């Protein structure tokens, strides 16, 4: 059963007219569709950030939602476009790793190459497959279209390696995955990774952050803090500020936390 909901995740930018063009192409196929923007502010061509944001946000939607993802630096090349089903959610997106995180969180039960031109717009731009191919196919599926009509079955998707949390006595090491719109640094260290241990201190690329707090209000404005965000991931923030800017916008990677059992 399809929900009639179609979501969009792109790197077009919040004010881009390309987003409106995609929505127009979707509504031309399925006028009753409910279109929701997951985000159109993925950093340009940042497939890794898009993959994590897609996985985080898609879980909030009902069974049968179709998620169209366009972070596509290889548009016009030989890269495939795919349609996949994971836990009752449908995805239409380039096969460039954008589905890596969602596919690691749940089993792919259906996987097709998007290869049927009858489902696309009549004129296809070499540089805008989101509007001319992915959007219309997503709308077709959301309207209850037949899965087999999308294209031939595939055995596997392209994936990137997901960073692992390493453990040493009294220490966990991880990475910053991305900075959110507030400049908070979202890491790959989850509450379940830490378990019942107490976090004694956190540092990011050698910069001391301090012990874990529960809310921003526990520290003064301008202070760095480490806390669990709403997704259950450890985040590093600046109270009333921008942790990404605090790090100099250098794309900080390494995160170390000292723990005590």
C-alpha atoms as a PDB file:
ATOM      1  CA  UNK A   1       0.000   0.000   0.000  1.00  0.00           C
ATOM      2  CA  UNK A   2       1.379   3.436  -0.969  1.00  0.00           C
ATOM      3  CA  UNK A   3       0.795   6.412   1.309  1.00  0.00           C
ATOM      4  CA  UNK A   4       0.596   9.039  -1.446  1.00  0.00           C
ATOM      5  CA  UNK A   5       3.428  10.899   0.302  1.00  0.00           C
ATOM      6  CA  UNK A   6       6.562  11.822  -1.636  1.00  0.00           C
ATOM      7  CA  UNK A   7       9.568  13.355   0.087  1.00  0.00           C
ATOM      8  CA  UNK A   8      12.426  15.285  -1.476  1.00  0.00           C
ATOM      9  CA  UNK A   9      16.043  15.410  -0.331  1.00  0.00           C
ATOM     10  CA  UNK A  10      18.385  17.459  -2.507  1.00  0.00           C
ATOM     11  CA  UNK A  11      21.477  19.638  -2.523  1.00  0.00           C
ATOM     12  CA  UNK A  12      19.761  22.302  -4.646  1.00  0.00           C
ATOM     13  CA  UNK A  13      19.539  24.904  -1.870  1.00  0.00           C
ATOM     14  CA  UNK A  14      16.556  26.124   0.130  1.00  0.00           C
ATOM     15  CA  UNK A  15      15.590  28.881  -2.327  1.00  0.00           C
ATOM     16  CA  UNK A  16      16.373  27.014  -5.534  1.00  0.00           C
ATOM     17  CA  UNK A  17      13.784  27.070  -8.334  1.00  0.00           C
ATOM     18  CA  UNK A  18      14.943  23.548  -9.198  1.00  0.00           C
ATOM     19  CA  UNK A  19      12.958  22.284  -6.203  1.00  0.00           C
ATOM     20  CA  UNK A  20       9.784  23.834  -7.617  1.00  0.00           C
ATOM     21  CA  UNK A  21      10.509  22.287 -11.015  1.00  0.00           C
ATOM     22  CA  UNK A  22      10.793  18.849  -9.409  1.00  0.00           C
ATOM     23  CA  UNK A  23       7.508  19.335  -7.569  1.00  0.00           C
ATOM     24  CA  UNK A  24       5.812  20.393 -10.796  1.00  0.00           C
ATOM     25  CA  UNK A  25       7.070  17.243 -12.547  1.00  0.00           C
ATOM     26  CA  UNK A  26       5.784  15.101  -9.671  1.00  0.00           C
ATOM     27  CA  UNK A  27       2.354  16.738  -9.642  1.00  0.00           C
ATOM     28  CA  UNK A  28       2.070  16.354 -13.398  1.00  0.00           C
ATOM     29  CA  UNK A  29       2.060  12.593 -12.797  1.00  0.00           C
ATOM     30  CA  UNK A  30       0.255  12.426  -9.435  1.00  0.00           C
ATOM     31  CA  UNK A  31      -1.818  15.542  -8.747  1.00  0.00           C
ATOM     32  CA  UNK A  32      -3.017  14.292  -5.355  1.00  0.00           C
ATOM     33  CA  UNK A  33       0.483  13.631  -4.024  1.00  0.00           C
ATOM     34  CA  UNK A  34       1.535  15.110  -0.706  1.00  0.00           C
ATOM     35  CA  UNK A  35       5.068  16.435  -1.189  1.00  0.00           C
ATOM     36  CA  UNK A  36       7.294  16.979   1.852  1.00  0.00           C
ATOM     37  CA  UNK A  37      10.788  18.487   1.802  1.00  0.00           C
ATOM     38  CA  UNK A  38      13.170  16.445   3.957  1.00  0.00           C
ATOM     39  CA  UNK A  39      15.823  19.044   3.178  1.00  0.00           C
ATOM     40  CA  UNK A  40      17.119  20.830   0.120  1.00  0.00           C
ATOM     41  CA  UNK A  41      20.198  22.037   1.980  1.00  0.00           C
ATOM     42  CA  UNK A  42      22.533  19.056   1.749  1.00  0.00           C
ATOM     43  CA  UNK A  43      26.005  20.486   1.144  1.00  0.00           C
ATOM     44  CA  UNK A  44      26.574  20.554  -2.630  1.00  0.00           C
ATOM     45  CA  UNK A  45      27.534  17.113  -3.965  1.00  0.00           C
ATOM     46  CA  UNK A  46      28.013  15.773  -0.417  1.00  0.00           C
ATOM     47  CA  UNK A  47      26.660  12.248  -0.886  1.00  0.00           C
ATOM     48  CA  UNK A  48      27.762  11.128   2.565  1.00  0.00           C
ATOM     49  CA  UNK A  49      25.870  13.901   4.354  1.00  0.00           C
ATOM     50  CA  UNK A  50      22.821  13.266   2.191  1.00  0.00           C
ATOM     51  CA  UNK A  51      22.899   9.565   3.015  1.00  0.00           C
ATOM     52  CA  UNK A  52      22.909  10.164   6.763  1.00  0.00           C
ATOM     53  CA  UNK A  53      20.158  12.792   6.571  1.00  0.00           C
ATOM     54  CA  UNK A  54      18.023  10.530   4.376  1.00  0.00           C
ATOM     55  CA  UNK A  55      18.308   7.642   6.830  1.00  0.00           C
ATOM     56  CA  UNK A  56      17.578   9.863   9.828  1.00  0.00           C
ATOM     57  CA  UNK A  57      14.505  11.550   8.370  1.00  0.00           C
ATOM     58  CA  UNK A  58      12.844   8.751   6.407  1.00  0.00           C
ATOM     59  CA  UNK A  59      12.090   6.799   9.580  1.00  0.00           C
ATOM     60  CA  UNK A  60       9.527   9.391  10.681  1.00  0.00           C
ATOM     61  CA  UNK A  61       7.254   8.724   7.687  1.00  0.00           C
ATOM     62  CA  UNK A  62       4.438   6.178   7.335  1.00  0.00           C
ATOM     63  CA  UNK A  63       4.580   2.889   5.499  1.00  0.00           C
ATOM     64  CA  UNK A  64       4.445   3.334   1.738  1.00  0.00           C
ATOM     65  CA  UNK A  65       6.130   6.738   1.555  1.00  0.00           C
ATOM     66  CA  UNK A  66       8.289   7.354  -1.523  1.00  0.00           C
ATOM     67  CA  UNK A  67      11.577   9.188  -0.889  1.00  0.00           C
ATOM     68  CA  UNK A  68      13.211  10.872  -3.883  1.00  0.00           C
ATOM     69  CA  UNK A  69      16.855  11.780  -3.258  1.00  0.00           C
ATOM     70  CA  UNK A  70      18.885  13.967  -5.610  1.00  0.00           C
ATOM     71  CA  UNK A  71      22.503  14.462  -4.606  1.00  0.00           C
ATOM     72  CA  UNK A  72      23.879  13.538  -7.958  1.00  0.00           C
ATOM     73  CA  UNK A  73      27.342  14.789  -8.970  1.00  0.00           C
ATOM     74  CA  UNK A  74      27.474  12.028 -11.602  1.00  0.00           C
ATOM     75  CA  UNK A  75      24.308  13.129 -13.421  1.00  0.00           C
ATOM     76  CA  UNK A  76      24.547  12.364 -17.130  1.00  0.00           C
ATOM     77  CA  UNK A  77      27.208   9.687 -16.623  1.00  0.00           C
ATOM     78  CA  UNK A  78      26.842   5.904 -16.704  1.00  0.00           C
ATOM     79  CA  UNK A  79      25.767   5.753 -13.048  1.00  0.00           C
ATOM     80  CA  UNK A  80      22.433   4.002 -12.584  1.00  0.00           C
ATOM     81  CA  UNK A  81      19.252   5.392 -11.084  1.00  0.00           C
ATOM     82  CA  UNK A  82      17.608   2.913  -8.740  1.00  0.00           C
ATOM     83  CA  UNK A  83      14.312   2.278  -6.990  1.00  0.00           C
ATOM     84  CA  UNK A  84      14.411   0.297  -3.748  1.00  0.00           C
ATOM     85  CA  UNK A  85      12.132  -0.802  -0.938  1.00  0.00           C
ATOM     86  CA  UNK A  86      13.380  -0.958   2.661  1.00  0.00           C
ATOM     87  CA  UNK A  87      10.988  -1.739   5.521  1.00  0.00           C
ATOM     88  CA  UNK A  88       7.972  -0.593   3.539  1.00  0.00           C
ATOM     89  CA  UNK A  89       9.587   2.690   2.478  1.00  0.00           C
ATOM     90  CA  UNK A  90      10.390   3.338  -1.185  1.00  0.00           C
ATOM     91  CA  UNK A  91      13.436   5.180  -2.510  1.00  0.00           C
ATOM     92  CA  UNK A  92      14.193   6.604  -5.954  1.00  0.00           C
ATOM     93  CA  UNK A  93      17.693   8.023  -6.266  1.00  0.00           C
ATOM     94  CA  UNK A  94      21.054   7.759  -8.030  1.00  0.00           C
ATOM     95  CA  UNK A  95      23.083   4.638  -7.335  1.00  0.00           C
ATOM     96  CA  UNK A  96      26.064   6.542  -5.951  1.00  0.00           C
ATOM     97  CA  UNK A  97      26.052   5.621  -2.265  1.00  0.00           C
ATOM     98  CA  UNK A  98      23.130   7.881  -1.294  1.00  0.00           C
ATOM     99  CA  UNK A  99      21.211   4.819  -0.044  1.00  0.00           C
ATOM    100  CA  UNK A 100      24.177   3.381   1.895  1.00  0.00           C
ATOM    101  CA  UNK A 101      23.080   4.312   5.416  1.00  0.00           C
ATOM    102  CA  UNK A 102      19.403   3.456   5.010  1.00  0.00           C
ATOM    103  CA  UNK A 103      20.406   0.127   3.454  1.00  0.00           C
ATOM    104  CA  UNK A 104      22.661  -0.590   6.428  1.00  0.00           C
ATOM    105  CA  UNK A 105      19.747   0.087   8.791  1.00  0.00           C
ATOM    106  CA  UNK A 106      17.284  -2.241   7.056  1.00  0.00           C
ATOM    107  CA  UNK A 107      17.116  -4.985   4.441  1.00  0.00           C
ATOM    108  CA  UNK A 108      16.456  -4.092   0.798  1.00  0.00           C
ATOM    109  CA  UNK A 109      13.460  -6.237  -0.197  1.00  0.00           C
ATOM    110  CA  UNK A 110      13.029  -4.885  -3.731  1.00  0.00           C
ATOM    111  CA  UNK A 111      15.624  -3.304  -5.994  1.00  0.00           C
ATOM    112  CA  UNK A 112      15.198  -2.147  -9.579  1.00  0.00           C
ATOM    113  CA  UNK A 113      17.115  -0.076 -12.068  1.00  0.00           C
ATOM    114  CA  UNK A 114      15.053   2.907 -13.210  1.00  0.00           C
ATOM    115  CA  UNK A 115      15.208   2.155 -16.917  1.00  0.00           C
ATOM    116  CA  UNK A 116      11.733   2.542 -18.439  1.00  0.00           C
ATOM    117  CA  UNK A 117      11.581   5.791 -20.466  1.00  0.00           C
ATOM    118  CA  UNK A 118       7.779   5.507 -20.645  1.00  0.00           C
ATOM    119  CA  UNK A 119       7.695   6.641 -17.008  1.00  0.00           C
ATOM    120  CA  UNK A 120       9.963   9.661 -17.566  1.00  0.00           C
ATOM    121  CA  UNK A 121       9.231  13.097 -18.951  1.00  0.00           C
ATOM    122  CA  UNK A 122       9.119  13.165 -22.736  1.00  0.00           C
ATOM    123  CA  UNK A 123      12.245  15.322 -22.901  1.00  0.00           C
ATOM    124  CA  UNK A 124      15.102  14.372 -20.569  1.00  0.00           C
ATOM    125  CA  UNK A 125      17.889  16.833 -19.763  1.00  0.00           C
ATOM    126  CA  UNK A 126      21.389  15.404 -19.381  1.00  0.00           C
ATOM    127  CA  UNK A 127      21.852  17.568 -16.258  1.00  0.00           C
ATOM    128  CA  UNK A 128      18.500  17.325 -14.442  1.00  0.00           C
ATOM    129  CA  UNK A 129      17.501  13.707 -13.941  1.00  0.00           C
ATOM    130  CA  UNK A 130      15.849  14.661 -10.652  1.00  0.00           C
ATOM    131  CA  UNK A 131      13.108  16.546 -12.518  1.00  0.00           C
ATOM    132  CA  UNK A 132      12.925  14.436 -15.661  1.00  0.00           C
ATOM    133  CA  UNK A 133      13.408  10.879 -14.348  1.00  0.00           C
ATOM    134  CA  UNK A 134      13.451  10.463 -10.556  1.00  0.00           C
ATOM    135  CA  UNK A 135      10.557  12.781  -9.754  1.00  0.00           C
ATOM    136  CA  UNK A 136       8.150  11.244 -12.290  1.00  0.00           C
ATOM    137  CA  UNK A 137       9.110   7.687 -11.299  1.00  0.00           C
ATOM    138  CA  UNK A 138       8.635   8.527  -7.626  1.00  0.00           C
ATOM    139  CA  UNK A 139       5.202   9.955  -8.472  1.00  0.00           C
ATOM    140  CA  UNK A 140       4.332   6.826 -10.471  1.00  0.00           C
ATOM    141  CA  UNK A 141       5.158   4.604  -7.506  1.00  0.00           C
ATOM    142  CA  UNK A 142       3.344   6.864  -5.025  1.00  0.00           C
ATOM    143  CA  UNK A 143       0.228   6.626  -7.206  1.00  0.00           C
ATOM    144  CA  UNK A 144       0.350   2.830  -6.923  1.00  0.00           C
ATOM    145  CA  UNK A 145       2.283   2.067 -10.100  1.00  0.00           C
ATOM    146  CA  UNK A 146       3.549  -1.434 -10.780  1.00  0.00           C
ATOM    147  CA  UNK A 147       7.017  -2.123  -9.427  1.00  0.00           C
ATOM    148  CA  UNK A 148       7.939  -4.357 -12.368  1.00  0.00           C
ATOM    149  CA  UNK A 149       7.351  -1.487 -14.805  1.00  0.00           C
ATOM    150  CA  UNK A 150      10.190   0.578 -13.313  1.00  0.00           C
ATOM    151  CA  UNK A 151      12.961  -1.509 -14.836  1.00  0.00           C
ATOM    152  CA  UNK A 152      15.004  -4.710 -14.432  1.00  0.00           C
ATOM    153  CA  UNK A 153      15.853  -6.211 -11.074  1.00  0.00           C
ATOM    154  CA  UNK A 154      19.280  -5.516  -9.567  1.00  0.00           C
ATOM    155  CA  UNK A 155      21.284  -7.571  -7.094  1.00  0.00           C
ATOM    156  CA  UNK A 156      23.167  -4.817  -5.225  1.00  0.00           C
ATOM    157  CA  UNK A 157      23.633  -1.102  -4.779  1.00  0.00           C
ATOM    158  CA  UNK A 158      26.738   1.068  -4.679  1.00  0.00           C
ATOM    159  CA  UNK A 159      27.774   1.735  -1.087  1.00  0.00           C
ATOM    160  CA  UNK A 160      30.385   3.701   0.786  1.00  0.00           C
ATOM    161  CA  UNK A 161      32.044   2.332   3.906  1.00  0.00           C
ATOM    162  CA  UNK A 162      30.330   3.464   7.093  1.00  0.00           C
ATOM    163  CA  UNK A 163      32.774   4.667   9.769  1.00  0.00           C
ATOM    164  CA  UNK A 164      32.977   2.379  12.779  1.00  0.00           C
ATOM    165  CA  UNK A 165      33.357   3.340  16.436  1.00  0.00           C
ATOM    166  CA  UNK A 166      36.629   1.990  17.838  1.00  0.00           C
ATOM    167  CA  UNK A 167      37.035   0.957  21.451  1.00  0.00           C
ATOM    168  CA  UNK A 168      40.067   0.978  23.710  1.00  0.00           C
ATOM    169  CA  UNK A 169      40.173   0.655  27.503  1.00  0.00           C
ATOM    170  CA  UNK A 170      38.443   3.758  28.850  1.00  0.00           C
ATOM    171  CA  UNK A 171      38.131   5.346  25.411  1.00  0.00           C
ATOM    172  CA  UNK A 172      35.772   5.420  22.413  1.00  0.00           C
ATOM    173  CA  UNK A 173      36.823   7.003  19.114  1.00  0.00           C
ATOM    174  CA  UNK A 174      34.516   8.062  16.324  1.00  0.00           C
ATOM    175  CA  UNK A 175      33.951  10.664  13.633  1.00  0.00           C
ATOM    176  CA  UNK A 176      31.901  13.745  12.887  1.00  0.00           C
ATOM    177  CA  UNK A 177      29.411  12.744  10.203  1.00  0.00           C
ATOM    178  CA  UNK A 178      28.070  16.187   9.313  1.00  0.00           C
ATOM    179  CA  UNK A 179      27.170  19.591  10.710  1.00  0.00           C
ATOM    180  CA  UNK A 180      23.459  20.343  10.960  1.00  0.00           C
ATOM    181  CA  UNK A 181      21.797  23.662  10.106  1.00  0.00           C
ATOM    182  CA  UNK A 182      22.664  25.044  13.569  1.00  0.00           C
ATOM    183  CA  UNK A 183      26.330  24.107  13.201  1.00  0.00           C
ATOM    184  CA  UNK A 184      26.022  21.198  15.651  1.00  0.00           C
ATOM    185  CA  UNK A 185      28.517  18.425  14.881  1.00  0.00           C
ATOM    186  CA  UNK A 186      26.690  15.105  14.651  1.00  0.00           C
ATOM    187  CA  UNK A 187      28.930  12.110  15.337  1.00  0.00           C
ATOM    188  CA  UNK A 188      28.685   8.399  14.636  1.00  0.00           C
ATOM    189  CA  UNK A 189      28.841   7.607  18.363  1.00  0.00           C
ATOM    190  CA  UNK A 190      25.416   6.614  19.621  1.00  0.00           C
ATOM    191  CA  UNK A 191      23.918   6.231  23.072  1.00  0.00           C
ATOM    192  CA  UNK A 192      24.009   2.455  22.564  1.00  0.00           C
ATOM    193  CA  UNK A 193      27.755   2.594  21.810  1.00  0.00           C
ATOM    194  CA  UNK A 194      28.364   4.182  25.215  1.00  0.00           C
ATOM    195  CA  UNK A 195      25.895   1.992  27.084  1.00  0.00           C
ATOM    196  CA  UNK A 196      25.899   2.412  30.846  1.00  0.00           C
ATOM    197  CA  UNK A 197      29.398   3.925  30.966  1.00  0.00           C
ATOM    198  CA  UNK A 198      29.843   7.495  32.200  1.00  0.00           C
ATOM    199  CA  UNK A 199      31.286   9.981  29.717  1.00  0.00           C
ATOM    200  CA  UNK A 200      34.074  11.773  31.568  1.00  0.00           C
ATOM    201  CA  UNK A 201      35.271  14.022  28.734  1.00  0.00           C
ATOM    202  CA  UNK A 202      34.878  14.638  25.011  1.00  0.00           C
ATOM    203  CA  UNK A 203      37.305  16.172  22.525  1.00  0.00           C
ATOM    204  CA  UNK A 204      37.024  16.951  18.818  1.00  0.00           C
ATOM    205  CA  UNK A 205      40.247  17.029  16.824  1.00  0.00           C
ATOM    206  CA  UNK A 206      42.136  17.676  20.055  1.00  0.00           C
ATOM    207  CA  UNK A 207      39.838  20.467  21.289  1.00  0.00           C
ATOM    208  CA  UNK A 208      38.425  19.856  24.753  1.00  0.00           C
ATOM    209  CA  UNK A 209      34.632  19.928  25.002  1.00  0.00           C
ATOM    210  CA  UNK A 210      34.092  18.653  28.530  1.00  0.00           C
ATOM    211  CA  UNK A 211      31.835  16.025  30.097  1.00  0.00           C
ATOM    212  CA  UNK A 212      28.405  15.053  28.802  1.00  0.00           C
ATOM    213  CA  UNK A 213      25.444  17.327  29.592  1.00  0.00           C
ATOM    214  CA  UNK A 214      21.713  16.730  29.185  1.00  0.00           C
ATOM    215  CA  UNK A 215      20.670  20.188  27.931  1.00  0.00           C
ATOM    216  CA  UNK A 216      22.286  23.337  26.540  1.00  0.00           C
ATOM    217  CA  UNK A 217      21.162  25.298  29.592  1.00  0.00           C
ATOM    218  CA  UNK A 218      23.730  23.511  31.761  1.00  0.00           C
ATOM    219  CA  UNK A 219      26.535  25.627  30.263  1.00  0.00           C
ATOM    220  CA  UNK A 220      27.065  29.319  29.613  1.00  0.00           C
ATOM    221  CA  UNK A 221      26.516  30.920  26.217  1.00  0.00           C
ATOM    222  CA  UNK A 222      29.551  30.396  24.015  1.00  0.00           C
ATOM    223  CA  UNK A 223      30.628  27.209  25.813  1.00  0.00           C
ATOM    224  CA  UNK A 224      31.229  23.960  23.937  1.00  0.00           C
ATOM    225  CA  UNK A 225      28.982  21.089  25.047  1.00  0.00           C
ATOM    226  CA  UNK A 226      28.547  17.420  24.257  1.00  0.00           C
ATOM    227  CA  UNK A 227      25.084  15.885  24.511  1.00  0.00           C
ATOM    228  CA  UNK A 228      22.857  13.314  22.874  1.00  0.00           C
ATOM    229  CA  UNK A 229      20.708  14.817  20.123  1.00  0.00           C
ATOM    230  CA  UNK A 230      17.168  13.794  19.277  1.00  0.00           C
ATOM    231  CA  UNK A 231      18.443  10.982  17.029  1.00  0.00           C
ATOM    232  CA  UNK A 232      20.389   9.398  19.889  1.00  0.00           C
ATOM    233  CA  UNK A 233      23.758  10.352  18.380  1.00  0.00           C
ATOM    234  CA  UNK A 234      26.414  12.203  20.361  1.00  0.00           C
ATOM    235  CA  UNK A 235      26.596  15.824  19.195  1.00  0.00           C
ATOM    236  CA  UNK A 236      29.053  18.615  19.896  1.00  0.00           C
ATOM    237  CA  UNK A 237      27.574  22.113  20.043  1.00  0.00           C
ATOM    238  CA  UNK A 238      28.314  25.659  21.086  1.00  0.00           C
ATOM    239  CA  UNK A 239      25.667  27.097  23.399  1.00  0.00           C
ATOM    240  CA  UNK A 240      24.054  29.910  21.408  1.00  0.00           C
ATOM    241  CA  UNK A 241      26.661  29.504  18.673  1.00  0.00           C
ATOM    242  CA  UNK A 242      28.021  27.388  15.833  1.00  0.00           C
ATOM    243  CA  UNK A 243      30.330  24.452  16.582  1.00  0.00           C
ATOM    244  CA  UNK A 244      31.282  24.088  12.930  1.00  0.00           C
ATOM    245  CA  UNK A 245      32.534  27.688  12.893  1.00  0.00           C
ATOM    246  CA  UNK A 246      34.247  27.105  16.261  1.00  0.00           C
ATOM    247  CA  UNK A 247      36.230  24.352  14.566  1.00  0.00           C
ATOM    248  CA  UNK A 248      37.194  26.806  11.836  1.00  0.00           C
ATOM    249  CA  UNK A 249      34.937  25.170   9.259  1.00  0.00           C
ATOM    250  CA  UNK A 250      37.657  22.586   8.737  1.00  0.00           C
ATOM    251  CA  UNK A 251      35.324  19.595   8.617  1.00  0.00           C
ATOM    252  CA  UNK A 252      36.512  18.159  11.923  1.00  0.00           C
ATOM    253  CA  UNK A 253      36.610  14.392  11.833  1.00  0.00           C
ATOM    254  CA  UNK A 254      38.060  12.709  14.920  1.00  0.00           C
ATOM    255  CA  UNK A 255      36.047  12.501  18.128  1.00  0.00           C
ATOM    256  CA  UNK A 256      37.383  10.933  21.337  1.00  0.00           C
ATOM    257  CA  UNK A 257      35.412  10.310  24.479  1.00  0.00           C
ATOM    258  CA  UNK A 258      36.829   9.135  27.798  1.00  0.00           C
ATOM    259  CA  UNK A 259      34.467   6.805  29.612  1.00  0.00           C
ATOM    260  CA  UNK A 260      34.292   5.284  33.057  1.00  0.00           C
ATOM    261  CA  UNK A 261      32.340   2.123  33.793  1.00  0.00           C
END
